[in-house]
Amino acid sequence: MESLAHLEALCERLYNSQDSAERAHAENTLKCFSVNSSYISQCQYILENASTPYALMLASSSLLKQVTEQRLSLQIRLDIRNYLINYLATRGIDLEPFVTASLIQLFCRVTKYGWFEDDIFREVVKESTSILNQVMMFKIFL
């Protein structure tokens, strides 16, 4: 991918274009993010640095596909899970609702697949409560 701005433009076309050929081109170009596990770190980079909700949606949906369809190691899934908890706690309030929903779906999928592999995946209630408390405190101070 040439640059983040180029990626964001492709994501805009992927999700908004009325031209099916243009959408298909964007989908084909961006497919690597959802089929190659070496792109997981790039998805996290997109989540941290992209300015458009469509790029964030690409990163989230690509990670969801990776978690669902690839045989990722326990450590990679733990890293994704921990990253999501921190990301949602710090940036979740500022995201578009459709991006937040996608990230929560990803978090649930990672949790589901890791439930019987490591006890940390079972701490979802405690950590979700912590995130919600942070959001509520933020809203009180507004």
N, C-alpha and C. Protein backbone atom coordinates (compact mmCIF):
# COMPACT_ATOMS: atom_id res chain seq x y z
N MET A 1 0.86 -1.17 0.00
CA MET A 1 0.00 0.00 0.00
C MET A 1 0.90 1.23 0.00
N GLU A 2 0.63 2.15 -0.89
CA GLU A 2 1.50 3.30 -1.08
C GLU A 2 1.48 4.25 0.11
N SER A 3 0.30 4.57 0.62
CA SER A 3 0.21 5.49 1.74
C SER A 3 -1.13 5.32 2.43
N LEU A 4 -1.19 5.87 3.62
CA LEU A 4 -2.44 5.80 4.37
C LEU A 4 -3.55 6.57 3.66
N ALA A 5 -3.22 7.69 3.05
CA ALA A 5 -4.22 8.47 2.32
C ALA A 5 -4.79 7.67 1.14
N HIS A 6 -3.92 6.95 0.44
CA HIS A 6 -4.36 6.10 -0.67
C HIS A 6 -5.26 4.98 -0.15
N LEU A 7 -4.87 4.37 0.96
CA LEU A 7 -5.69 3.32 1.56
C LEU A 7 -7.06 3.87 1.96
N GLU A 8 -7.09 5.04 2.55
CA GLU A 8 -8.36 5.63 2.96
C GLU A 8 -9.25 5.92 1.75
N ALA A 9 -8.65 6.35 0.66
CA ALA A 9 -9.42 6.58 -0.57
C ALA A 9 -9.99 5.28 -1.11
N LEU A 10 -9.20 4.21 -1.07
CA LEU A 10 -9.69 2.89 -1.51
C LEU A 10 -10.84 2.41 -0.62
N CYS A 11 -10.71 2.62 0.66
CA CYS A 11 -11.77 2.22 1.60
C CYS A 11 -13.05 3.00 1.33
N GLU A 12 -12.90 4.26 1.04
CA GLU A 12 -14.07 5.10 0.70
C GLU A 12 -14.78 4.52 -0.53
N ARG A 13 -14.00 4.12 -1.53
CA ARG A 13 -14.58 3.51 -2.73
C ARG A 13 -15.21 2.16 -2.43
N LEU A 14 -14.53 1.38 -1.59
CA LEU A 14 -15.04 0.05 -1.24
C LEU A 14 -16.42 0.14 -0.60
N TYR A 15 -16.60 1.07 0.30
CA TYR A 15 -17.85 1.14 1.06
C TYR A 15 -18.90 2.08 0.46
N ASN A 16 -18.49 2.99 -0.43
CA ASN A 16 -19.44 4.00 -0.90
C ASN A 16 -19.66 4.08 -2.40
N SER A 17 -18.79 3.49 -3.18
CA SER A 17 -18.89 3.65 -4.64
C SER A 17 -20.15 3.00 -5.19
N GLN A 18 -20.77 3.67 -6.13
CA GLN A 18 -21.92 3.12 -6.84
C GLN A 18 -21.48 2.29 -8.05
N ASP A 19 -20.22 2.44 -8.44
CA ASP A 19 -19.66 1.74 -9.58
C ASP A 19 -19.14 0.37 -9.12
N SER A 20 -19.74 -0.68 -9.60
CA SER A 20 -19.37 -2.03 -9.14
C SER A 20 -17.93 -2.39 -9.53
N ALA A 21 -17.46 -1.92 -10.67
CA ALA A 21 -16.08 -2.20 -11.08
C ALA A 21 -15.09 -1.51 -10.14
N GLU A 22 -15.39 -0.29 -9.79
CA GLU A 22 -14.53 0.46 -8.87
C GLU A 22 -14.52 -0.20 -7.48
N ARG A 23 -15.68 -0.64 -7.02
CA ARG A 23 -15.79 -1.33 -5.74
C ARG A 23 -15.02 -2.65 -5.77
N ALA A 24 -15.15 -3.39 -6.86
CA ALA A 24 -14.45 -4.67 -7.00
C ALA A 24 -12.94 -4.47 -7.01
N HIS A 25 -12.47 -3.42 -7.70
CA HIS A 25 -11.04 -3.12 -7.71
C HIS A 25 -10.54 -2.82 -6.30
N ALA A 26 -11.29 -1.99 -5.57
CA ALA A 26 -10.90 -1.64 -4.20
C ALA A 26 -10.89 -2.89 -3.32
N GLU A 27 -11.90 -3.73 -3.46
CA GLU A 27 -11.98 -4.96 -2.66
C GLU A 27 -10.81 -5.88 -2.95
N ASN A 28 -10.49 -6.03 -4.22
CA ASN A 28 -9.37 -6.89 -4.61
C ASN A 28 -8.03 -6.35 -4.09
N THR A 29 -7.87 -5.04 -4.14
CA THR A 29 -6.64 -4.41 -3.67
C THR A 29 -6.48 -4.54 -2.16
N LEU A 30 -7.58 -4.44 -1.43
CA LEU A 30 -7.54 -4.44 0.03
C LEU A 30 -7.68 -5.84 0.64
N LYS A 31 -7.89 -6.83 -0.20
CA LYS A 31 -8.11 -8.20 0.27
C LYS A 31 -6.96 -8.73 1.13
N CYS A 32 -5.77 -8.29 0.85
CA CYS A 32 -4.58 -8.79 1.57
C CYS A 32 -4.70 -8.59 3.08
N PHE A 33 -5.41 -7.57 3.51
CA PHE A 33 -5.53 -7.29 4.94
C PHE A 33 -6.33 -8.37 5.67
N SER A 34 -7.20 -9.06 4.97
CA SER A 34 -8.04 -10.06 5.64
C SER A 34 -7.60 -11.50 5.42
N VAL A 35 -6.63 -11.72 4.53
CA VAL A 35 -6.23 -13.10 4.25
C VAL A 35 -4.79 -13.42 4.65
N ASN A 36 -4.00 -12.43 4.95
CA ASN A 36 -2.60 -12.65 5.28
C ASN A 36 -2.32 -12.17 6.70
N SER A 37 -1.95 -13.10 7.58
CA SER A 37 -1.76 -12.75 8.99
C SER A 37 -0.60 -11.77 9.21
N SER A 38 0.27 -11.61 8.25
CA SER A 38 1.34 -10.63 8.41
C SER A 38 0.81 -9.19 8.33
N TYR A 39 -0.45 -9.02 7.96
CA TYR A 39 -1.06 -7.69 7.88
C TYR A 39 -1.76 -7.29 9.17
N ILE A 40 -1.72 -8.12 10.19
CA ILE A 40 -2.38 -7.78 11.46
C ILE A 40 -1.81 -6.50 12.04
N SER A 41 -0.50 -6.35 12.02
CA SER A 41 0.11 -5.13 12.56
C SER A 41 -0.28 -3.90 11.73
N GLN A 42 -0.45 -4.06 10.42
CA GLN A 42 -0.89 -2.95 9.59
C GLN A 42 -2.32 -2.55 9.93
N CYS A 43 -3.15 -3.54 10.27
CA CYS A 43 -4.52 -3.22 10.68
C CYS A 43 -4.51 -2.40 11.96
N GLN A 44 -3.63 -2.74 12.88
CA GLN A 44 -3.51 -1.96 14.10
C GLN A 44 -2.97 -0.55 13.80
N TYR A 45 -2.06 -0.47 12.86
CA TYR A 45 -1.55 0.85 12.44
C TYR A 45 -2.69 1.70 11.87
N ILE A 46 -3.53 1.08 11.07
CA ILE A 46 -4.68 1.80 10.49
C ILE A 46 -5.59 2.29 11.61
N LEU A 47 -5.89 1.42 12.57
CA LEU A 47 -6.76 1.82 13.68
C LEU A 47 -6.17 3.01 14.44
N GLU A 48 -4.88 3.04 14.58
CA GLU A 48 -4.23 4.13 15.32
C GLU A 48 -4.14 5.43 14.52
N ASN A 49 -4.02 5.34 13.20
CA ASN A 49 -3.65 6.52 12.43
C ASN A 49 -4.66 6.99 11.38
N ALA A 50 -5.61 6.18 11.03
CA ALA A 50 -6.55 6.57 9.97
C ALA A 50 -7.51 7.64 10.48
N SER A 51 -7.94 8.48 9.56
CA SER A 51 -8.85 9.56 9.93
C SER A 51 -10.28 9.32 9.44
N THR A 52 -10.48 8.31 8.62
CA THR A 52 -11.83 8.05 8.11
C THR A 52 -12.41 6.79 8.74
N PRO A 53 -13.70 6.79 9.00
CA PRO A 53 -14.31 5.60 9.59
C PRO A 53 -14.27 4.39 8.65
N TYR A 54 -14.17 4.62 7.36
CA TYR A 54 -14.14 3.50 6.41
C TYR A 54 -12.82 2.73 6.50
N ALA A 55 -11.74 3.43 6.73
CA ALA A 55 -10.46 2.76 6.92
C ALA A 55 -10.47 1.98 8.24
N LEU A 56 -11.06 2.57 9.27
CA LEU A 56 -11.19 1.87 10.55
C LEU A 56 -12.04 0.62 10.40
N MET A 57 -13.09 0.73 9.61
CA MET A 57 -13.97 -0.41 9.36
C MET A 57 -13.22 -1.51 8.61
N LEU A 58 -12.40 -1.14 7.64
CA LEU A 58 -11.58 -2.12 6.93
C LEU A 58 -10.68 -2.87 7.91
N ALA A 59 -10.01 -2.12 8.78
CA ALA A 59 -9.09 -2.75 9.73
C ALA A 59 -9.85 -3.70 10.65
N SER A 60 -10.98 -3.26 11.16
CA SER A 60 -11.76 -4.09 12.07
C SER A 60 -12.31 -5.33 11.38
N SER A 61 -12.89 -5.16 10.21
CA SER A 61 -13.46 -6.32 9.50
C SER A 61 -12.37 -7.27 9.02
N SER A 62 -11.20 -6.75 8.68
CA SER A 62 -10.09 -7.61 8.28
C SER A 62 -9.58 -8.43 9.46
N LEU A 63 -9.48 -7.79 10.62
CA LEU A 63 -9.06 -8.53 11.81
C LEU A 63 -10.10 -9.58 12.19
N LEU A 64 -11.37 -9.25 12.03
CA LEU A 64 -12.43 -10.22 12.31
C LEU A 64 -12.29 -11.44 11.41
N LYS A 65 -12.03 -11.21 10.15
CA LYS A 65 -11.84 -12.31 9.21
C LYS A 65 -10.60 -13.13 9.56
N GLN A 66 -9.54 -12.45 9.93
CA GLN A 66 -8.30 -13.14 10.33
C GLN A 66 -8.56 -14.06 11.52
N VAL A 67 -9.23 -13.52 12.54
CA VAL A 67 -9.49 -14.28 13.76
C VAL A 67 -10.40 -15.47 13.46
N THR A 68 -11.36 -15.27 12.58
CA THR A 68 -12.34 -16.31 12.27
C THR A 68 -11.79 -17.39 11.34
N GLU A 69 -11.03 -17.00 10.34
CA GLU A 69 -10.67 -17.93 9.27
C GLU A 69 -9.23 -18.43 9.31
N GLN A 70 -8.35 -17.75 10.02
CA GLN A 70 -6.95 -18.17 10.09
C GLN A 70 -6.70 -18.89 11.40
N ARG A 71 -5.72 -19.73 11.42
CA ARG A 71 -5.32 -20.41 12.66
C ARG A 71 -4.24 -19.57 13.34
N LEU A 72 -4.68 -18.53 14.03
CA LEU A 72 -3.74 -17.63 14.70
C LEU A 72 -3.31 -18.24 16.02
N SER A 73 -2.08 -17.97 16.38
CA SER A 73 -1.57 -18.50 17.65
C SER A 73 -2.30 -17.84 18.81
N LEU A 74 -2.24 -18.51 19.95
CA LEU A 74 -2.86 -17.97 21.16
C LEU A 74 -2.27 -16.60 21.49
N GLN A 75 -0.98 -16.44 21.33
CA GLN A 75 -0.34 -15.16 21.66
C GLN A 75 -0.84 -14.03 20.75
N ILE A 76 -1.02 -14.30 19.49
CA ILE A 76 -1.53 -13.27 18.57
C ILE A 76 -2.95 -12.89 18.97
N ARG A 77 -3.77 -13.90 19.29
CA ARG A 77 -5.15 -13.60 19.70
C ARG A 77 -5.19 -12.83 21.02
N LEU A 78 -4.29 -13.16 21.94
CA LEU A 78 -4.20 -12.40 23.19
C LEU A 78 -3.78 -10.95 22.91
N ASP A 79 -2.83 -10.79 22.01
CA ASP A 79 -2.38 -9.44 21.65
C ASP A 79 -3.52 -8.63 21.03
N ILE A 80 -4.28 -9.25 20.14
CA ILE A 80 -5.43 -8.57 19.53
C ILE A 80 -6.44 -8.20 20.60
N ARG A 81 -6.74 -9.14 21.48
CA ARG A 81 -7.71 -8.91 22.54
C ARG A 81 -7.28 -7.74 23.43
N ASN A 82 -6.04 -7.76 23.88
CA ASN A 82 -5.54 -6.70 24.75
C ASN A 82 -5.53 -5.36 24.03
N TYR A 83 -5.14 -5.38 22.77
CA TYR A 83 -5.14 -4.16 21.98
C TYR A 83 -6.57 -3.58 21.89
N LEU A 84 -7.54 -4.45 21.62
CA LEU A 84 -8.93 -4.00 21.50
C LEU A 84 -9.46 -3.40 22.79
N ILE A 85 -9.14 -4.02 23.91
CA ILE A 85 -9.60 -3.48 25.19
C ILE A 85 -9.07 -2.06 25.38
N ASN A 86 -7.79 -1.88 25.15
CA ASN A 86 -7.19 -0.55 25.30
C ASN A 86 -7.74 0.44 24.28
N TYR A 87 -7.90 -0.02 23.06
CA TYR A 87 -8.39 0.85 22.00
C TYR A 87 -9.82 1.32 22.29
N LEU A 88 -10.67 0.39 22.64
CA LEU A 88 -12.06 0.75 22.93
C LEU A 88 -12.15 1.66 24.15
N ALA A 89 -11.31 1.42 25.14
CA ALA A 89 -11.32 2.25 26.34
C ALA A 89 -10.87 3.67 26.05
N THR A 90 -9.90 3.83 25.17
CA THR A 90 -9.35 5.16 24.92
C THR A 90 -10.00 5.89 23.75
N ARG A 91 -10.42 5.16 22.75
CA ARG A 91 -10.93 5.82 21.54
C ARG A 91 -12.37 5.48 21.20
N GLY A 92 -12.94 4.52 21.89
CA GLY A 92 -14.28 4.05 21.56
C GLY A 92 -15.34 5.13 21.56
N ILE A 93 -15.23 6.08 22.43
CA ILE A 93 -16.23 7.14 22.54
C ILE A 93 -16.27 8.04 21.31
N ASP A 94 -15.16 8.12 20.58
CA ASP A 94 -15.05 9.02 19.44
C ASP A 94 -15.36 8.35 18.10
N LEU A 95 -15.61 7.06 18.11
CA LEU A 95 -15.79 6.32 16.86
C LEU A 95 -17.23 6.39 16.37
N GLU A 96 -17.37 6.21 15.07
CA GLU A 96 -18.71 6.07 14.51
C GLU A 96 -19.34 4.80 15.07
N PRO A 97 -20.64 4.80 15.27
CA PRO A 97 -21.30 3.61 15.86
C PRO A 97 -21.05 2.32 15.08
N PHE A 98 -20.99 2.38 13.75
CA PHE A 98 -20.77 1.16 12.98
C PHE A 98 -19.36 0.62 13.17
N VAL A 99 -18.40 1.48 13.42
CA VAL A 99 -17.03 1.04 13.69
C VAL A 99 -16.96 0.43 15.09
N THR A 100 -17.58 1.08 16.05
CA THR A 100 -17.61 0.54 17.41
C THR A 100 -18.26 -0.83 17.43
N ALA A 101 -19.37 -0.98 16.73
CA ALA A 101 -20.06 -2.28 16.68
C ALA A 101 -19.17 -3.35 16.07
N SER A 102 -18.44 -3.01 15.04
CA SER A 102 -17.54 -3.96 14.40
C SER A 102 -16.40 -4.36 15.34
N LEU A 103 -15.84 -3.40 16.06
CA LEU A 103 -14.76 -3.69 17.00
C LEU A 103 -15.25 -4.55 18.18
N ILE A 104 -16.47 -4.29 18.62
CA ILE A 104 -17.04 -5.10 19.70
C ILE A 104 -17.29 -6.52 19.20
N GLN A 105 -17.77 -6.65 17.99
CA GLN A 105 -17.95 -7.98 17.41
C GLN A 105 -16.62 -8.73 17.34
N LEU A 106 -15.57 -8.03 16.93
CA LEU A 106 -14.23 -8.62 16.89
C LEU A 106 -13.79 -9.05 18.28
N PHE A 107 -13.98 -8.20 19.27
CA PHE A 107 -13.62 -8.54 20.64
C PHE A 107 -14.38 -9.78 21.11
N CYS A 108 -15.66 -9.86 20.80
CA CYS A 108 -16.47 -11.02 21.18
C CYS A 108 -15.98 -12.29 20.49
N ARG A 109 -15.62 -12.19 19.23
CA ARG A 109 -15.13 -13.36 18.49
C ARG A 109 -13.81 -13.86 19.07
N VAL A 110 -12.90 -12.94 19.36
CA VAL A 110 -11.61 -13.32 19.95
C VAL A 110 -11.86 -14.00 21.30
N THR A 111 -12.77 -13.44 22.07
CA THR A 111 -13.10 -13.99 23.38
C THR A 111 -13.70 -15.39 23.25
N LYS A 112 -14.62 -15.55 22.33
CA LYS A 112 -15.27 -16.85 22.11
C LYS A 112 -14.24 -17.92 21.76
N TYR A 113 -13.36 -17.60 20.82
CA TYR A 113 -12.39 -18.59 20.36
C TYR A 113 -11.31 -18.90 21.39
N GLY A 114 -11.08 -17.99 22.34
CA GLY A 114 -10.05 -18.22 23.33
C GLY A 114 -10.56 -18.67 24.69
N TRP A 115 -11.88 -18.76 24.82
CA TRP A 115 -12.52 -19.03 26.10
C TRP A 115 -11.93 -20.23 26.84
N PHE A 116 -11.71 -21.33 26.14
CA PHE A 116 -11.22 -22.54 26.78
C PHE A 116 -9.70 -22.69 26.71
N GLU A 117 -9.02 -21.73 26.10
CA GLU A 117 -7.57 -21.84 25.96
C GLU A 117 -6.79 -21.10 27.04
N ASP A 118 -7.34 -20.00 27.54
CA ASP A 118 -6.63 -19.21 28.53
C ASP A 118 -7.66 -18.49 29.40
N ASP A 119 -7.43 -18.48 30.70
CA ASP A 119 -8.37 -17.87 31.63
C ASP A 119 -8.55 -16.37 31.41
N ILE A 120 -7.57 -15.70 30.84
CA ILE A 120 -7.68 -14.26 30.63
C ILE A 120 -8.88 -13.91 29.73
N PHE A 121 -9.24 -14.80 28.84
CA PHE A 121 -10.39 -14.56 27.97
C PHE A 121 -11.69 -14.54 28.76
N ARG A 122 -11.69 -15.14 29.95
CA ARG A 122 -12.89 -15.20 30.78
C ARG A 122 -13.06 -13.96 31.66
N GLU A 123 -12.12 -13.06 31.62
CA GLU A 123 -12.20 -11.83 32.41
C GLU A 123 -12.94 -10.73 31.67
N VAL A 124 -13.73 -11.11 30.71
CA VAL A 124 -14.40 -10.16 29.84
C VAL A 124 -15.37 -9.24 30.60
N VAL A 125 -16.06 -9.75 31.59
CA VAL A 125 -17.02 -8.93 32.32
C VAL A 125 -16.29 -7.86 33.12
N LYS A 126 -15.25 -8.25 33.82
CA LYS A 126 -14.47 -7.30 34.62
C LYS A 126 -13.89 -6.19 33.73
N GLU A 127 -13.32 -6.58 32.60
CA GLU A 127 -12.69 -5.59 31.73
C GLU A 127 -13.72 -4.73 31.00
N SER A 128 -14.83 -5.31 30.63
CA SER A 128 -15.90 -4.53 29.98
C SER A 128 -16.47 -3.51 30.96
N THR A 129 -16.63 -3.91 32.21
CA THR A 129 -17.11 -2.99 33.24
C THR A 129 -16.14 -1.83 33.41
N SER A 130 -14.87 -2.12 33.36
CA SER A 130 -13.85 -1.08 33.48
C SER A 130 -13.95 -0.08 32.32
N ILE A 131 -14.13 -0.59 31.12
CA ILE A 131 -14.27 0.28 29.95
C ILE A 131 -15.51 1.15 30.10
N LEU A 132 -16.63 0.54 30.48
CA LEU A 132 -17.88 1.30 30.63
C LEU A 132 -17.75 2.36 31.72
N ASN A 133 -17.06 2.05 32.80
CA ASN A 133 -16.84 3.04 33.86
C ASN A 133 -16.02 4.22 33.34
N GLN A 134 -15.01 3.94 32.53
CA GLN A 134 -14.20 5.02 31.96
C GLN A 134 -15.05 5.90 31.05
N VAL A 135 -15.91 5.29 30.26
CA VAL A 135 -16.78 6.06 29.36
C VAL A 135 -17.73 6.92 30.18
N MET A 136 -18.31 6.35 31.22
CA MET A 136 -19.25 7.10 32.04
C MET A 136 -18.55 8.27 32.75
N MET A 137 -17.34 8.06 33.24
CA MET A 137 -16.59 9.14 33.86
C MET A 137 -16.29 10.24 32.86
N PHE A 138 -15.98 9.87 31.65
CA PHE A 138 -15.70 10.84 30.60
C PHE A 138 -16.94 11.68 30.33
N LYS A 139 -18.09 11.02 30.23
CA LYS A 139 -19.34 11.75 29.94
C LYS A 139 -19.74 12.67 31.08
N ILE A 140 -19.44 12.26 32.33
CA ILE A 140 -19.77 13.10 33.48
C ILE A 140 -18.99 14.41 33.43
N PHE A 141 -17.74 14.33 33.00
CA PHE A 141 -16.90 15.52 32.96
C PHE A 141 -17.16 16.40 31.76
N LEU A 142 -17.97 15.97 30.83
CA LEU A 142 -18.29 16.80 29.66
C LEU A 142 -19.27 17.85 29.96
